[in-house]
Amino acid sequence: MYSITQVEPKQLSQIKVQKQDKIMQLTGKKLDAKDAFDIIKRETGGFKKKSDKAIAADKLLVQLLRMNGIVVTGSGSTEKERIVIEARARQRATALLELELELAA
């Protein structure tokens, strides 16, 4: 049910999150993969309870791990999923650039 159960804490510390300044603006704190892991674990009772929010967070955390070159066994990742993830990242970057250009004008 949760792919991040296969992740070791040292792998979480290797994650580099881009655009931390933007995350700080929106949430008031930096994104920490270890904290995210701990919250998912706590909210699911040690990954035993099913939660739609936790499953979505699990998938996002696995994507973040993949983007940092960390392979999560049992995540069922495919080449098509990777391409979709990269396309979405490009779309977000393009949207941010468009907003910055609007603000600069």
C-alpha atoms as a PDB file:
ATOM      1  CA  MET A   1       0.000   0.000   0.000  1.00  0.00           C
ATOM      2  CA  TYR A   2       2.806   2.459   0.908  1.00  0.00           C
ATOM      3  CA  SER A   3       6.013   2.449  -1.110  1.00  0.00           C
ATOM      4  CA  ILE A   4       8.024   4.598   1.275  1.00  0.00           C
ATOM      5  CA  THR A   5       8.134   1.792   3.819  1.00  0.00           C
ATOM      6  CA  GLN A   6      11.123   0.552   1.799  1.00  0.00           C
ATOM      7  CA  VAL A   7      13.021   3.832   2.266  1.00  0.00           C
ATOM      8  CA  GLU A   8      15.885   4.154   4.725  1.00  0.00           C
ATOM      9  CA  PRO A   9      16.332   7.358   6.777  1.00  0.00           C
ATOM     10  CA  LYS A  10      19.740   8.043   5.215  1.00  0.00           C
ATOM     11  CA  GLN A  11      18.052   8.135   1.797  1.00  0.00           C
ATOM     12  CA  LEU A  12      15.621  10.782   3.027  1.00  0.00           C
ATOM     13  CA  SER A  13      18.487  12.998   4.130  1.00  0.00           C
ATOM     14  CA  GLN A  14      19.947  12.853   0.588  1.00  0.00           C
ATOM     15  CA  ILE A  15      16.903  14.499  -0.969  1.00  0.00           C
ATOM     16  CA  LYS A  16      17.454  17.968  -2.329  1.00  0.00           C
ATOM     17  CA  VAL A  17      14.223  19.927  -2.705  1.00  0.00           C
ATOM     18  CA  GLN A  18      14.259  22.696  -5.275  1.00  0.00           C
ATOM     19  CA  LYS A  19      12.476  26.018  -4.817  1.00  0.00           C
ATOM     20  CA  GLN A  20      12.549  25.898  -1.019  1.00  0.00           C
ATOM     21  CA  ASP A  21      12.068  29.682  -0.990  1.00  0.00           C
ATOM     22  CA  LYS A  22       8.738  29.319  -2.820  1.00  0.00           C
ATOM     23  CA  ILE A  23       7.702  26.528  -0.419  1.00  0.00           C
ATOM     24  CA  MET A  24       8.601  28.810   2.507  1.00  0.00           C
ATOM     25  CA  GLN A  25       6.389  31.553   1.076  1.00  0.00           C
ATOM     26  CA  LEU A  26       3.416  29.226   0.649  1.00  0.00           C
ATOM     27  CA  THR A  27       3.659  27.098   3.776  1.00  0.00           C
ATOM     28  CA  GLY A  28       5.838  29.043   6.191  1.00  0.00           C
ATOM     29  CA  LYS A  29       8.417  26.283   6.540  1.00  0.00           C
ATOM     30  CA  LYS A  30      10.847  24.277   4.434  1.00  0.00           C
ATOM     31  CA  LEU A  31       9.905  20.873   3.057  1.00  0.00           C
ATOM     32  CA  ASP A  32      11.812  18.150   4.869  1.00  0.00           C
ATOM     33  CA  ALA A  33      11.485  14.626   3.473  1.00  0.00           C
ATOM     34  CA  LYS A  34      12.184  13.053   6.883  1.00  0.00           C
ATOM     35  CA  ASP A  35       9.364  15.079   8.466  1.00  0.00           C
ATOM     36  CA  ALA A  36       7.021  14.108   5.629  1.00  0.00           C
ATOM     37  CA  PHE A  37       7.914  10.436   6.145  1.00  0.00           C
ATOM     38  CA  ASP A  38       7.311  10.724   9.908  1.00  0.00           C
ATOM     39  CA  ILE A  39       3.935  12.437   9.411  1.00  0.00           C
ATOM     40  CA  ILE A  40       2.752   9.757   6.975  1.00  0.00           C
ATOM     41  CA  LYS A  41       3.928   7.037   9.338  1.00  0.00           C
ATOM     42  CA  ARG A  42       2.208   8.651  12.324  1.00  0.00           C
ATOM     43  CA  GLU A  43      -1.069   9.357  10.518  1.00  0.00           C
ATOM     44  CA  THR A  44      -1.299   5.777   9.245  1.00  0.00           C
ATOM     45  CA  GLY A  45      -0.399   4.064  12.505  1.00  0.00           C
ATOM     46  CA  GLY A  46       2.927   2.770  11.234  1.00  0.00           C
ATOM     47  CA  PHE A  47       1.690   2.337   7.644  1.00  0.00           C
ATOM     48  CA  LYS A  48      -1.117   0.013   8.756  1.00  0.00           C
ATOM     49  CA  LYS A  49      -4.177   2.205   8.116  1.00  0.00           C
ATOM     50  CA  LYS A  50      -5.296   3.179   4.646  1.00  0.00           C
ATOM     51  CA  SER A  51      -5.652   6.908   4.089  1.00  0.00           C
ATOM     52  CA  ASP A  52      -6.236   8.597   0.750  1.00  0.00           C
ATOM     53  CA  LYS A  53      -4.205  11.635   1.795  1.00  0.00           C
ATOM     54  CA  ALA A  54      -1.333   9.468   3.026  1.00  0.00           C
ATOM     55  CA  ILE A  55      -1.348   7.401  -0.179  1.00  0.00           C
ATOM     56  CA  ALA A  56      -1.179  10.601  -2.246  1.00  0.00           C
ATOM     57  CA  ALA A  57       1.645  11.918  -0.047  1.00  0.00           C
ATOM     58  CA  ASP A  58       3.430   8.569  -0.375  1.00  0.00           C
ATOM     59  CA  LYS A  59       3.309   8.810  -4.170  1.00  0.00           C
ATOM     60  CA  LEU A  60       4.605  12.377  -4.127  1.00  0.00           C
ATOM     61  CA  LEU A  61       7.448  11.462  -1.785  1.00  0.00           C
ATOM     62  CA  VAL A  62       8.398   8.525  -4.010  1.00  0.00           C
ATOM     63  CA  GLN A  63       8.412  10.896  -7.009  1.00  0.00           C
ATOM     64  CA  LEU A  64      10.694  13.253  -5.109  1.00  0.00           C
ATOM     65  CA  LEU A  65      13.006  10.342  -4.295  1.00  0.00           C
ATOM     66  CA  ARG A  66      13.089   9.295  -7.952  1.00  0.00           C
ATOM     67  CA  MET A  67      13.856  12.845  -9.047  1.00  0.00           C
ATOM     68  CA  ASN A  68      16.883  12.686  -6.738  1.00  0.00           C
ATOM     69  CA  GLY A  69      18.031   9.392  -8.247  1.00  0.00           C
ATOM     70  CA  ILE A  70      16.921   7.193  -5.349  1.00  0.00           C
ATOM     71  CA  VAL A  71      15.207   3.990  -6.426  1.00  0.00           C
ATOM     72  CA  VAL A  72      12.388   2.773  -4.209  1.00  0.00           C
ATOM     73  CA  THR A  73      11.818  -0.946  -4.586  1.00  0.00           C
ATOM     74  CA  GLY A  74       8.231  -1.984  -4.896  1.00  0.00           C
ATOM     75  CA  SER A  75       7.109   1.434  -6.091  1.00  0.00           C
ATOM     76  CA  GLY A  76       6.001   0.031  -9.431  1.00  0.00           C
ATOM     77  CA  SER A  77       7.529   2.936 -11.303  1.00  0.00           C
ATOM     78  CA  THR A  78       7.512   2.813 -15.048  1.00  0.00           C
ATOM     79  CA  GLU A  79       9.149   4.825 -17.761  1.00  0.00           C
ATOM     80  CA  LYS A  80       5.770   6.298 -18.658  1.00  0.00           C
ATOM     81  CA  GLU A  81       5.248   7.520 -15.076  1.00  0.00           C
ATOM     82  CA  ARG A  82       8.700   9.127 -15.099  1.00  0.00           C
ATOM     83  CA  ILE A  83       7.917  10.935 -18.345  1.00  0.00           C
ATOM     84  CA  VAL A  84       4.601  12.184 -16.956  1.00  0.00           C
ATOM     85  CA  ILE A  85       6.298  13.404 -13.774  1.00  0.00           C
ATOM     86  CA  GLU A  86       8.936  15.267 -15.761  1.00  0.00           C
ATOM     87  CA  ALA A  87       6.283  16.788 -18.043  1.00  0.00           C
ATOM     88  CA  ARG A  88       4.325  18.045 -15.029  1.00  0.00           C
ATOM     89  CA  ALA A  89       7.502  19.524 -13.549  1.00  0.00           C
ATOM     90  CA  ARG A  90       8.143  21.363 -16.823  1.00  0.00           C
ATOM     91  CA  GLN A  91       4.547  22.630 -16.847  1.00  0.00           C
ATOM     92  CA  ARG A  92       4.906  23.967 -13.311  1.00  0.00           C
ATOM     93  CA  ALA A  93       8.198  25.639 -14.180  1.00  0.00           C
ATOM     94  CA  THR A  94       6.652  27.213 -17.290  1.00  0.00           C
ATOM     95  CA  ALA A  95       3.669  28.488 -15.298  1.00  0.00           C
ATOM     96  CA  LEU A  96       5.988  30.020 -12.697  1.00  0.00           C
ATOM     97  CA  LEU A  97       8.061  31.713 -15.394  1.00  0.00           C
ATOM     98  CA  GLU A  98       4.907  33.117 -16.999  1.00  0.00           C
ATOM     99  CA  LEU A  99       3.816  34.544 -13.648  1.00  0.00           C
ATOM    100  CA  GLU A 100       7.239  36.077 -13.079  1.00  0.00           C
ATOM    101  CA  LEU A 101       7.124  37.667 -16.519  1.00  0.00           C
ATOM    102  CA  GLU A 102       3.667  39.095 -15.808  1.00  0.00           C
ATOM    103  CA  LEU A 103       4.885  40.539 -12.527  1.00  0.00           C
ATOM    104  CA  ALA A 104       7.976  42.025 -14.167  1.00  0.00           C
ATOM    105  CA  ALA A 105       5.897  43.749 -16.874  1.00  0.00           C
END
